[in-house]
Amino acid sequence: MIREVDRGSAPVDFALVGVLLVAIALVVVQIAFFAHLRAVAIDSAIAGAAHAALADTTDSEGVARATALVSAGVAASLVRSVSVGSSEVAGKPIVSVTIRLAVPAIGPWLPLAETDVTGRAFREGPLTNGTPP
């Protein structure tokens, strides 16, 4: 026996639950998009630092490599800056490439905040007598 109160409640339930499920799916897609952006930026920063750390290249070549890679992997409008720096770890010189990205709020549009990722590599020295210094 169907009561009059329950009549028509299935379409309403479907509409309310459907909206909730779509919202959850969009949040999951947005998190995956952010993870992709960050992974591409980290990989580009590491590749740029490794290129800049080579004995026969300059820091600006490493920045150019990182910029080309990150621009190919994500929307170029999301890349705010690519910079290079040098420092030492345990007495060994290193090269650091830092990429600043805009973090989008909705897909690749509407940037909300910024995040920095850094890749580092030990700087190579010139060979002397066929052996590293």
Protein backbone atom coordinates (compact mmCIF):
# COMPACT_ATOMS: atom_id res chain seq x y z
CA MET A 1 0.00 0.00 0.00
CA ILE A 2 1.41 3.37 -1.08
CA ARG A 3 0.75 6.27 1.18
CA GLU A 4 -0.03 9.66 -0.29
CA VAL A 5 2.87 11.31 1.59
CA ASP A 6 5.54 9.23 -0.22
CA ARG A 7 4.21 9.86 -3.70
CA GLY A 8 6.67 11.89 -5.83
CA SER A 9 9.57 11.67 -3.37
CA ALA A 10 11.84 9.54 -5.63
CA PRO A 11 12.48 12.29 -8.22
CA VAL A 12 13.22 14.77 -5.45
CA ASP A 13 15.61 12.33 -3.77
CA PHE A 14 17.33 11.71 -7.10
CA ALA A 15 17.73 15.44 -7.76
CA LEU A 16 19.15 16.17 -4.30
CA VAL A 17 21.53 13.21 -4.25
CA GLY A 18 22.53 13.80 -7.89
CA VAL A 19 23.62 17.36 -7.16
CA LEU A 20 25.68 16.17 -4.19
CA LEU A 21 27.36 13.42 -6.23
CA VAL A 22 28.21 15.82 -9.07
CA ALA A 23 29.72 18.28 -6.57
CA ILE A 24 31.86 15.54 -5.03
CA ALA A 25 33.01 14.37 -8.47
CA LEU A 26 34.00 17.92 -9.44
CA VAL A 27 36.01 18.32 -6.23
CA VAL A 28 37.86 15.08 -6.96
CA VAL A 29 38.61 16.25 -10.52
CA GLN A 30 39.88 19.59 -9.18
CA ILE A 31 42.20 17.84 -6.70
CA ALA A 32 43.53 15.63 -9.51
CA PHE A 33 44.08 18.73 -11.68
CA PHE A 34 46.07 20.42 -8.90
CA ALA A 35 48.14 17.27 -8.34
CA HIS A 36 48.90 17.15 -12.07
CA LEU A 37 49.98 20.81 -12.13
CA ARG A 38 52.25 20.29 -9.16
CA ALA A 39 53.79 17.09 -10.54
CA VAL A 40 54.56 18.72 -13.90
CA ALA A 41 56.07 21.76 -12.17
CA ILE A 42 58.25 19.62 -9.86
CA ASP A 43 59.49 17.52 -12.76
CA SER A 44 60.24 20.64 -14.82
CA ALA A 45 62.12 22.28 -11.94
CA ILE A 46 64.24 19.15 -11.40
CA ALA A 47 65.03 18.87 -15.12
CA GLY A 48 65.93 22.56 -15.28
CA ALA A 49 68.20 22.29 -12.23
CA ALA A 50 69.89 19.18 -13.62
CA HIS A 51 70.49 20.97 -16.93
CA ALA A 52 71.84 24.11 -15.22
CA ALA A 53 74.15 21.98 -13.05
CA LEU A 54 76.00 20.51 -16.02
CA ALA A 55 79.61 21.65 -16.36
CA ASP A 56 79.17 23.08 -19.85
CA THR A 57 75.87 24.95 -19.39
CA THR A 58 74.81 28.18 -17.71
CA ASP A 59 72.08 28.89 -15.20
CA SER A 60 70.04 30.72 -17.83
CA GLU A 61 69.97 27.57 -19.97
CA GLY A 62 68.51 25.69 -17.01
CA VAL A 63 65.83 28.34 -16.60
CA ALA A 64 65.03 28.13 -20.31
CA ARG A 65 64.74 24.33 -20.09
CA ALA A 66 62.45 24.50 -17.03
CA THR A 67 60.30 27.21 -18.64
CA ALA A 68 59.90 25.22 -21.85
CA LEU A 69 58.98 22.04 -20.00
CA VAL A 70 56.48 23.60 -17.60
CA SER A 71 54.87 25.65 -20.38
CA ALA A 72 54.43 22.50 -22.45
CA GLY A 73 52.83 20.62 -19.55
CA VAL A 74 50.46 23.22 -18.11
CA ALA A 75 48.74 26.37 -19.32
CA ALA A 76 51.41 29.03 -19.83
CA SER A 77 49.15 31.60 -18.15
CA LEU A 78 49.48 29.70 -14.85
CA VAL A 79 53.30 30.04 -14.77
CA ARG A 80 54.15 33.15 -12.78
CA SER A 81 57.96 32.95 -12.70
CA VAL A 82 60.96 30.66 -13.06
CA SER A 83 64.12 31.57 -11.16
CA VAL A 84 67.49 30.01 -10.45
CA GLY A 85 69.75 30.20 -7.42
CA SER A 86 72.98 28.72 -6.13
CA SER A 87 73.91 27.56 -2.65
CA GLU A 88 75.88 24.87 -0.86
CA VAL A 89 74.93 21.67 0.91
CA ALA A 90 77.62 19.99 3.00
CA GLY A 91 80.25 22.06 1.19
CA LYS A 92 79.07 21.01 -2.28
CA PRO A 93 77.64 23.62 -4.68
CA ILE A 94 74.05 23.09 -5.80
CA VAL A 95 71.73 24.74 -8.30
CA SER A 96 68.10 25.42 -7.37
CA VAL A 97 65.36 26.16 -9.90
CA THR A 98 62.14 27.53 -8.42
CA ILE A 99 58.88 27.66 -10.34
CA ARG A 100 55.96 29.75 -9.08
CA LEU A 101 52.53 28.63 -10.31
CA ALA A 102 49.06 30.04 -9.90
CA VAL A 103 46.71 27.52 -8.29
CA PRO A 104 43.37 27.60 -10.09
CA ALA A 105 40.07 27.44 -8.22
CA ILE A 106 37.96 26.14 -11.10
CA GLY A 107 39.74 24.07 -13.74
CA PRO A 108 42.51 26.10 -15.40
CA TRP A 109 40.56 29.33 -14.91
CA LEU A 110 40.18 31.73 -12.00
CA PRO A 111 43.59 31.60 -10.26
CA LEU A 112 43.13 31.65 -6.51
CA ALA A 113 46.60 31.39 -4.92
CA GLU A 114 50.20 30.64 -5.81
CA THR A 115 52.52 27.76 -4.99
CA ASP A 116 56.27 27.35 -5.33
CA VAL A 117 58.15 24.19 -6.25
CA THR A 118 61.93 23.81 -6.23
CA GLY A 119 64.24 21.37 -7.95
CA ARG A 120 67.87 21.01 -6.89
CA ALA A 121 70.94 19.37 -8.40
CA PHE A 122 74.61 19.19 -7.46
CA ARG A 123 76.69 21.42 -9.71
CA GLU A 124 79.28 19.61 -11.79
CA GLY A 125 82.81 20.93 -11.99
CA PRO A 126 85.17 20.82 -14.95
CA LEU A 127 87.26 17.69 -15.37
CA THR A 128 90.94 18.01 -14.49
CA ASN A 129 93.26 15.34 -15.88
CA GLY A 130 90.27 13.13 -16.71
CA THR A 131 88.99 13.03 -13.11
CA PRO A 132 86.42 15.19 -11.39
CA PRO A 133 87.75 17.73 -8.84
